[in-house]
């Protein structure tokens, strides 16, 4: 999940696995694979950065907790 800020200043968490595309229109619009779009305050670059961090943590949970997997 990644945190985004809507234009009414509400924070929302979205499932990063559902992100299909992110574009600047000039507002940032996130298109989801479930045929929904979300307009957010974060820049495209910020969303991409959060997406990359999310994927890194999913593939290497030890980045979040170095003690994982140690007996």
N, C-alpha and C. Protein backbone atom coordinates (compact mmCIF):
# COMPACT_ATOMS: atom_id res chain seq x y z
N UNK A 1 0.85 -1.18 0.00
CA UNK A 1 0.00 0.00 0.00
C UNK A 1 0.89 1.24 0.00
N UNK A 2 0.45 2.24 -0.71
CA UNK A 2 1.16 3.51 -0.68
C UNK A 2 0.17 4.61 -0.29
N UNK A 3 0.69 5.60 0.43
CA UNK A 3 -0.15 6.69 0.92
C UNK A 3 -0.16 7.82 -0.11
N UNK A 4 -1.36 8.32 -0.38
CA UNK A 4 -1.52 9.47 -1.27
C UNK A 4 -2.40 10.50 -0.57
N UNK A 5 -2.35 11.73 -1.07
CA UNK A 5 -3.16 12.81 -0.52
C UNK A 5 -4.13 13.29 -1.59
N UNK A 6 -5.41 13.24 -1.27
CA UNK A 6 -6.43 13.72 -2.19
C UNK A 6 -6.48 15.25 -2.12
N UNK A 7 -7.19 15.86 -3.05
CA UNK A 7 -7.22 17.32 -3.09
C UNK A 7 -8.03 17.95 -1.96
N UNK A 8 -8.81 17.15 -1.24
CA UNK A 8 -9.50 17.67 -0.06
C UNK A 8 -8.67 17.44 1.21
N UNK A 9 -7.38 17.11 1.00
CA UNK A 9 -6.38 16.87 2.06
C UNK A 9 -6.60 15.58 2.84
N UNK A 10 -7.51 14.74 2.41
CA UNK A 10 -7.65 13.43 3.04
C UNK A 10 -6.51 12.54 2.56
N UNK A 11 -5.98 11.75 3.49
CA UNK A 11 -4.96 10.78 3.12
C UNK A 11 -5.64 9.45 2.84
N UNK A 12 -5.10 8.74 1.87
CA UNK A 12 -5.70 7.48 1.45
C UNK A 12 -4.58 6.52 1.12
N UNK A 13 -4.78 5.26 1.39
CA UNK A 13 -3.81 4.23 1.02
C UNK A 13 -4.37 3.45 -0.15
N UNK A 14 -3.55 3.29 -1.18
CA UNK A 14 -4.00 2.52 -2.34
C UNK A 14 -3.09 1.31 -2.52
N UNK A 15 -3.66 0.26 -3.05
CA UNK A 15 -2.91 -0.95 -3.32
C UNK A 15 -2.02 -0.71 -4.54
N UNK A 16 -0.73 -0.67 -4.33
CA UNK A 16 0.21 -0.36 -5.41
C UNK A 16 0.15 -1.39 -6.52
N UNK A 17 -0.27 -2.61 -6.21
CA UNK A 17 -0.37 -3.65 -7.24
C UNK A 17 -1.50 -3.37 -8.23
N UNK A 18 -2.40 -2.46 -7.90
CA UNK A 18 -3.50 -2.12 -8.79
C UNK A 18 -3.19 -0.93 -9.70
N UNK A 19 -2.02 -0.32 -9.53
CA UNK A 19 -1.67 0.85 -10.35
C UNK A 19 -1.36 0.40 -11.78
N UNK A 20 -2.08 0.99 -12.72
CA UNK A 20 -1.87 0.70 -14.13
C UNK A 20 -1.00 1.78 -14.77
N UNK A 21 -1.29 3.05 -14.43
CA UNK A 21 -0.50 4.15 -14.97
C UNK A 21 -0.62 5.37 -14.07
N UNK A 22 0.35 6.26 -14.22
CA UNK A 22 0.37 7.53 -13.48
C UNK A 22 0.74 8.60 -14.48
N UNK A 23 -0.07 9.66 -14.54
CA UNK A 23 0.25 10.73 -15.49
C UNK A 23 -0.03 12.09 -14.88
N UNK A 24 0.61 13.09 -15.47
CA UNK A 24 0.44 14.47 -15.05
C UNK A 24 -0.44 15.16 -16.08
N UNK A 25 -1.53 15.81 -15.61
CA UNK A 25 -2.49 16.38 -16.56
C UNK A 25 -2.80 17.87 -16.42
N UNK A 26 -2.25 18.75 -15.70
CA UNK A 26 -1.02 18.73 -14.92
C UNK A 26 -1.18 18.11 -13.53
N UNK A 27 -2.42 17.92 -13.05
CA UNK A 27 -2.57 17.22 -11.76
C UNK A 27 -2.19 15.76 -11.96
N UNK A 28 -1.77 15.12 -10.89
CA UNK A 28 -1.37 13.72 -10.97
C UNK A 28 -2.60 12.84 -10.91
N UNK A 29 -2.74 11.99 -11.92
CA UNK A 29 -3.87 11.07 -12.01
C UNK A 29 -3.33 9.65 -12.02
N UNK A 30 -3.82 8.85 -11.07
CA UNK A 30 -3.44 7.44 -10.98
C UNK A 30 -4.59 6.62 -11.54
N UNK A 31 -4.30 5.81 -12.56
CA UNK A 31 -5.29 4.90 -13.12
C UNK A 31 -5.05 3.52 -12.54
N UNK A 32 -6.13 2.90 -12.08
CA UNK A 32 -6.04 1.57 -11.48
C UNK A 32 -6.58 0.52 -12.45
N UNK A 33 -6.15 -0.70 -12.26
CA UNK A 33 -6.57 -1.80 -13.11
C UNK A 33 -8.04 -2.15 -12.93
N UNK A 34 -8.68 -1.59 -11.92
CA UNK A 34 -10.10 -1.86 -11.65
C UNK A 34 -10.99 -0.75 -12.23
N UNK A 35 -10.46 -0.06 -13.25
CA UNK A 35 -11.20 0.99 -13.97
C UNK A 35 -11.60 2.17 -13.10
N UNK A 36 -10.74 2.53 -12.16
CA UNK A 36 -10.94 3.72 -11.34
C UNK A 36 -9.74 4.63 -11.53
N UNK A 37 -9.97 5.92 -11.36
CA UNK A 37 -8.87 6.89 -11.37
C UNK A 37 -8.93 7.70 -10.09
N UNK A 38 -7.75 8.13 -9.65
CA UNK A 38 -7.64 8.92 -8.43
C UNK A 38 -6.74 10.10 -8.74
N UNK A 39 -7.20 11.31 -8.42
CA UNK A 39 -6.40 12.50 -8.60
C UNK A 39 -5.77 12.84 -7.24
N UNK A 40 -4.45 13.02 -7.23
CA UNK A 40 -3.73 13.22 -5.97
C UNK A 40 -2.82 14.42 -6.05
N UNK A 41 -2.39 14.89 -4.87
CA UNK A 41 -1.50 16.04 -4.78
C UNK A 41 -0.05 15.71 -5.08
N UNK A 42 0.35 14.46 -4.82
CA UNK A 42 1.74 14.07 -5.04
C UNK A 42 2.09 14.17 -6.52
N UNK A 43 3.37 14.39 -6.80
CA UNK A 43 3.82 14.43 -8.19
C UNK A 43 3.94 13.01 -8.73
N UNK A 44 4.03 12.91 -10.04
CA UNK A 44 4.25 11.60 -10.67
C UNK A 44 5.52 10.97 -10.11
N UNK A 45 6.57 11.78 -9.97
CA UNK A 45 7.84 11.27 -9.47
C UNK A 45 7.71 10.72 -8.06
N UNK A 46 6.94 11.39 -7.21
CA UNK A 46 6.74 10.90 -5.83
C UNK A 46 5.98 9.57 -5.82
N UNK A 47 4.98 9.44 -6.67
CA UNK A 47 4.22 8.19 -6.74
C UNK A 47 5.11 7.06 -7.24
N UNK A 48 5.89 7.33 -8.27
CA UNK A 48 6.79 6.31 -8.80
C UNK A 48 7.80 5.89 -7.75
N UNK A 49 8.35 6.86 -7.01
CA UNK A 49 9.32 6.55 -5.95
C UNK A 49 8.68 5.66 -4.88
N UNK A 50 7.47 5.98 -4.45
CA UNK A 50 6.78 5.17 -3.44
C UNK A 50 6.47 3.77 -3.98
N UNK A 51 6.12 3.69 -5.25
CA UNK A 51 5.85 2.40 -5.88
C UNK A 51 7.10 1.53 -5.87
N UNK A 52 8.24 2.12 -6.21
CA UNK A 52 9.50 1.38 -6.22
C UNK A 52 9.85 0.90 -4.82
N UNK A 53 9.71 1.75 -3.82
CA UNK A 53 9.99 1.36 -2.44
C UNK A 53 9.08 0.21 -2.03
N UNK A 54 7.80 0.32 -2.37
CA UNK A 54 6.84 -0.75 -2.05
C UNK A 54 7.29 -2.07 -2.66
N UNK A 55 7.63 -2.06 -3.94
CA UNK A 55 8.04 -3.29 -4.62
C UNK A 55 9.33 -3.86 -4.02
N UNK A 56 10.27 -2.99 -3.68
CA UNK A 56 11.51 -3.46 -3.05
C UNK A 56 11.22 -4.15 -1.72
N UNK A 57 10.33 -3.58 -0.93
CA UNK A 57 9.98 -4.17 0.36
C UNK A 57 9.24 -5.50 0.20
N UNK A 58 8.41 -5.60 -0.84
CA UNK A 58 7.68 -6.85 -1.07
C UNK A 58 8.62 -7.98 -1.48
N UNK A 59 9.66 -7.63 -2.22
CA UNK A 59 10.59 -8.66 -2.70
C UNK A 59 11.75 -8.90 -1.74
N UNK A 60 11.94 -8.00 -0.79
CA UNK A 60 13.01 -8.15 0.19
C UNK A 60 12.54 -7.59 1.53
N UNK A 61 11.68 -8.31 2.26
CA UNK A 61 11.15 -7.81 3.53
C UNK A 61 12.22 -7.50 4.57
N UNK A 62 13.41 -8.06 4.41
CA UNK A 62 14.50 -7.78 5.33
C UNK A 62 14.92 -6.32 5.33
N UNK A 63 14.58 -5.59 4.25
CA UNK A 63 14.88 -4.16 4.21
C UNK A 63 14.09 -3.41 5.29
N UNK A 64 12.89 -3.90 5.57
CA UNK A 64 12.04 -3.27 6.58
C UNK A 64 12.42 -3.72 7.98
N UNK A 65 12.73 -5.01 8.13
CA UNK A 65 13.09 -5.57 9.42
C UNK A 65 14.30 -6.47 9.24
N UNK A 66 15.50 -5.96 9.50
CA UNK A 66 16.72 -6.74 9.27
C UNK A 66 16.78 -8.04 10.06
N UNK A 67 15.96 -8.19 11.12
CA UNK A 67 15.99 -9.39 11.94
C UNK A 67 15.17 -10.54 11.33
N UNK A 68 14.39 -10.26 10.28
CA UNK A 68 13.59 -11.31 9.66
C UNK A 68 14.49 -12.40 9.10
N UNK A 69 14.10 -13.61 9.33
CA UNK A 69 14.84 -14.73 8.76
C UNK A 69 16.07 -15.13 9.55
N UNK A 70 16.35 -14.45 10.64
CA UNK A 70 17.50 -14.82 11.45
C UNK A 70 17.01 -15.65 12.63
N UNK A 71 17.56 -16.88 12.76
CA UNK A 71 17.12 -17.82 13.77
C UNK A 71 17.58 -17.45 15.10
